[in-house]
């Protein structure tokens, strides 16, 4: 039952934001009592924390799978960017704003996760790309990784501009050797 409650909360929080969804709303959607929800969670904050942990861990597993299964750092970078953009498009912006405003300990969890994601996924990709001669050696891996995380999460000015931004960003990382491989990947995907 606990997993069902978390899943329903995730659905509602991602659709409507955290502030507007009450525990009663979650219980009603599941056809259970509010008391049943409180048997599994001490507070709404605990439910928000567990929902966010579940969601973030799922995203980290997916990114790790991409990182491990796709040996080419450029192809991996494009897929990771798509994964990050997908997260932005499928999560209501109010979710994170509400968490930041009303649940500071949960917000700290999100910030810690973001740092871990940047340090384990994005910097690893950049490091591998540099080692393979595909990415420029003058890149500050930490700065570029934070910029990557930030840019992939920004709202874009018009439909499909996130694809153009992704390609401009990745092209800016590349050496001549990397550009040759990038063009091959891009033409294969078109």
Protein backbone atom coordinates (compact mmCIF):
# COMPACT_ATOMS: atom_id res chain seq x y z
CA UNK A 1 0.00 0.00 0.00
CA UNK A 2 2.86 2.37 0.83
CA UNK A 3 4.22 2.12 -2.73
CA UNK A 4 0.74 2.77 -4.18
CA UNK A 5 0.40 5.89 -2.05
CA UNK A 6 3.83 7.13 -3.15
CA UNK A 7 2.97 6.43 -6.79
CA UNK A 8 -0.34 8.30 -6.57
CA UNK A 9 1.28 11.19 -4.72
CA UNK A 10 3.94 11.35 -7.42
CA UNK A 11 1.29 11.49 -10.12
CA UNK A 12 -0.66 14.26 -8.37
CA UNK A 13 2.38 16.27 -7.21
CA UNK A 14 3.95 16.14 -10.68
CA UNK A 15 0.69 17.22 -12.27
CA UNK A 16 -0.51 19.84 -9.78
CA UNK A 17 2.43 20.73 -7.54
CA UNK A 18 2.85 19.89 -3.86
CA UNK A 19 1.09 22.83 -2.23
CA UNK A 20 -2.33 22.26 -3.80
CA UNK A 21 -2.50 18.49 -3.22
CA UNK A 22 -3.76 17.42 0.19
CA UNK A 23 -3.36 14.00 1.76
CA UNK A 24 -7.14 13.72 1.52
CA UNK A 25 -6.87 14.13 -2.27
CA UNK A 26 -4.37 11.28 -2.48
CA UNK A 27 -6.54 9.06 -0.28
CA UNK A 28 -9.62 9.86 -2.35
CA UNK A 29 -7.84 9.04 -5.61
CA UNK A 30 -6.84 5.66 -4.17
CA UNK A 31 -10.23 4.97 -2.62
CA UNK A 32 -8.78 4.74 0.88
CA UNK A 33 -9.18 6.76 4.04
CA UNK A 34 -6.89 9.56 5.15
CA UNK A 35 -6.24 7.44 8.24
CA UNK A 36 -4.75 4.73 6.01
CA UNK A 37 -2.36 7.28 4.54
CA UNK A 38 -1.30 8.29 8.06
CA UNK A 39 -0.66 4.64 8.93
CA UNK A 40 2.16 4.70 6.37
CA UNK A 41 3.37 8.31 6.65
CA UNK A 42 3.77 10.56 9.67
CA UNK A 43 3.25 13.73 7.66
CA UNK A 44 2.85 15.18 4.20
CA UNK A 45 6.51 16.17 4.35
CA UNK A 46 7.54 12.54 4.81
CA UNK A 47 5.42 11.55 1.81
CA UNK A 48 6.91 14.37 -0.27
CA UNK A 49 10.42 13.28 0.72
CA UNK A 50 9.83 9.62 -0.12
CA UNK A 51 8.11 10.50 -3.40
CA UNK A 52 11.01 12.76 -4.42
CA UNK A 53 13.61 10.16 -3.37
CA UNK A 54 11.83 7.55 -5.47
CA UNK A 55 11.65 9.85 -8.48
CA UNK A 56 15.25 11.03 -8.20
CA UNK A 57 16.66 7.54 -7.67
CA UNK A 58 14.78 6.35 -10.75
CA UNK A 59 16.32 9.18 -12.78
CA UNK A 60 19.79 8.37 -11.46
CA UNK A 61 19.36 4.67 -12.34
CA UNK A 62 18.28 5.60 -15.87
CA UNK A 63 21.23 7.95 -16.32
CA UNK A 64 23.64 5.33 -14.95
CA UNK A 65 22.19 2.80 -17.40
CA UNK A 66 22.79 5.21 -20.29
CA UNK A 67 26.30 5.89 -19.04
CA UNK A 68 27.11 2.18 -18.75
CA UNK A 69 25.39 0.94 -21.92
CA UNK A 70 26.51 3.67 -24.33
CA UNK A 71 30.28 3.55 -24.65
CA UNK A 72 30.50 6.66 -26.83
CA UNK A 73 30.53 9.79 -24.63
CA UNK A 74 28.93 11.94 -27.34
CA UNK A 75 25.96 9.62 -27.89
CA UNK A 76 25.69 9.24 -24.11
CA UNK A 77 25.71 13.03 -23.64
CA UNK A 78 22.88 13.44 -26.14
CA UNK A 79 20.80 10.74 -24.41
CA UNK A 80 21.49 12.14 -20.94
CA UNK A 81 20.46 15.61 -22.13
CA UNK A 82 17.24 14.12 -23.49
CA UNK A 83 16.63 12.40 -20.13
CA UNK A 84 17.14 15.66 -18.23
CA UNK A 85 14.86 17.54 -20.65
CA UNK A 86 12.22 14.83 -20.31
CA UNK A 87 12.30 15.32 -16.54
CA UNK A 88 11.77 19.07 -16.98
CA UNK A 89 8.85 18.55 -19.36
CA UNK A 90 7.08 15.93 -17.24
CA UNK A 91 7.39 17.54 -13.82
CA UNK A 92 5.22 20.49 -12.93
CA UNK A 93 7.53 23.45 -12.17
CA UNK A 94 5.44 24.06 -9.06
CA UNK A 95 6.63 20.74 -7.64
CA UNK A 96 10.16 21.97 -7.03
CA UNK A 97 9.10 25.54 -6.22
CA UNK A 98 6.67 24.24 -3.59
CA UNK A 99 9.30 21.95 -2.13
CA UNK A 100 11.83 24.78 -1.99
CA UNK A 101 9.35 27.11 -0.26
CA UNK A 102 7.60 24.73 2.13
CA UNK A 103 9.90 21.76 2.77
CA UNK A 104 13.49 22.96 3.25
CA UNK A 105 14.82 19.57 4.38
CA UNK A 106 13.34 17.93 1.27
CA UNK A 107 14.78 20.76 -0.85
CA UNK A 108 18.19 20.01 0.64
CA UNK A 109 17.72 16.39 -0.45
CA UNK A 110 17.02 17.58 -4.01
CA UNK A 111 20.11 19.80 -3.99
CA UNK A 112 22.25 16.92 -2.70
CA UNK A 113 20.88 14.65 -5.41
CA UNK A 114 21.61 17.26 -8.06
CA UNK A 115 25.19 17.54 -6.86
CA UNK A 116 25.57 13.74 -6.89
CA UNK A 117 24.10 13.54 -10.40
CA UNK A 118 26.47 16.21 -11.65
CA UNK A 119 29.49 14.59 -9.98
CA UNK A 120 28.75 11.01 -10.96
CA UNK A 121 27.05 11.23 -14.36
CA UNK A 122 27.92 14.50 -16.06
CA UNK A 123 31.53 14.91 -14.92
CA UNK A 124 32.18 11.22 -15.71
CA UNK A 125 30.88 11.79 -19.25
CA UNK A 126 33.04 14.86 -19.69
CA UNK A 127 36.10 13.09 -18.31
CA UNK A 128 35.63 10.12 -20.67
CA UNK A 129 35.11 12.41 -23.64
CA UNK A 130 38.34 14.28 -22.87
CA UNK A 131 40.26 11.02 -22.35
CA UNK A 132 39.06 9.70 -25.71
CA UNK A 133 40.04 12.91 -27.47
CA UNK A 134 36.42 13.71 -28.34
CA UNK A 135 36.01 16.69 -26.01
CA UNK A 136 38.32 19.68 -25.73
CA UNK A 137 41.02 19.45 -23.08
CA UNK A 138 40.54 23.06 -21.97
CA UNK A 139 37.08 22.34 -20.50
CA UNK A 140 36.60 22.97 -16.81
CA UNK A 141 34.68 19.74 -16.16
CA UNK A 142 32.98 20.96 -12.98
CA UNK A 143 31.81 24.24 -14.47
CA UNK A 144 30.62 22.60 -17.69
CA UNK A 145 28.77 19.87 -15.75
CA UNK A 146 26.90 22.47 -13.66
CA UNK A 147 26.13 24.47 -16.80
CA UNK A 148 24.91 21.27 -18.50
CA UNK A 149 22.56 20.49 -15.60
CA UNK A 150 21.28 24.07 -15.55
CA UNK A 151 20.80 24.50 -19.30
CA UNK A 152 19.02 21.18 -19.79
CA UNK A 153 16.48 22.18 -17.12
CA UNK A 154 15.64 25.66 -18.43
CA UNK A 155 12.37 26.39 -20.14
CA UNK A 156 12.95 27.02 -23.83
CA UNK A 157 11.54 29.93 -25.84
CA UNK A 158 9.68 27.85 -28.43
CA UNK A 159 8.86 24.27 -29.39
CA UNK A 160 11.86 22.19 -30.37
CA UNK A 161 14.37 24.85 -29.31
CA UNK A 162 15.59 22.48 -26.58
CA UNK A 163 16.90 20.19 -29.37
CA UNK A 164 18.84 23.08 -30.92
CA UNK A 165 20.21 24.11 -27.52
CA UNK A 166 21.28 20.51 -26.80
CA UNK A 167 23.14 20.27 -30.10
CA UNK A 168 24.84 23.66 -29.69
CA UNK A 169 25.90 22.73 -26.18
CA UNK A 170 27.35 19.35 -27.17
CA UNK A 171 29.07 20.77 -30.27
CA UNK A 172 30.79 23.30 -28.02
CA UNK A 173 32.48 20.44 -26.14
CA UNK A 174 33.97 18.76 -29.18
CA UNK A 175 37.39 18.45 -30.73
CA UNK A 176 37.72 17.97 -34.50
CA UNK A 177 37.72 14.19 -33.91
CA UNK A 178 34.62 14.53 -31.75
CA UNK A 179 32.88 16.70 -34.33
CA UNK A 180 33.40 14.01 -36.97
CA UNK A 181 31.83 11.38 -34.69
CA UNK A 182 29.04 13.78 -33.67
CA UNK A 183 28.11 14.41 -37.32
CA UNK A 184 27.96 10.63 -37.90
CA UNK A 185 25.69 10.17 -34.86
CA UNK A 186 23.47 13.08 -35.88
CA UNK A 187 23.05 11.87 -39.46
CA UNK A 188 22.29 8.33 -38.22
CA UNK A 189 19.57 9.66 -35.89
CA UNK A 190 17.88 11.83 -38.52
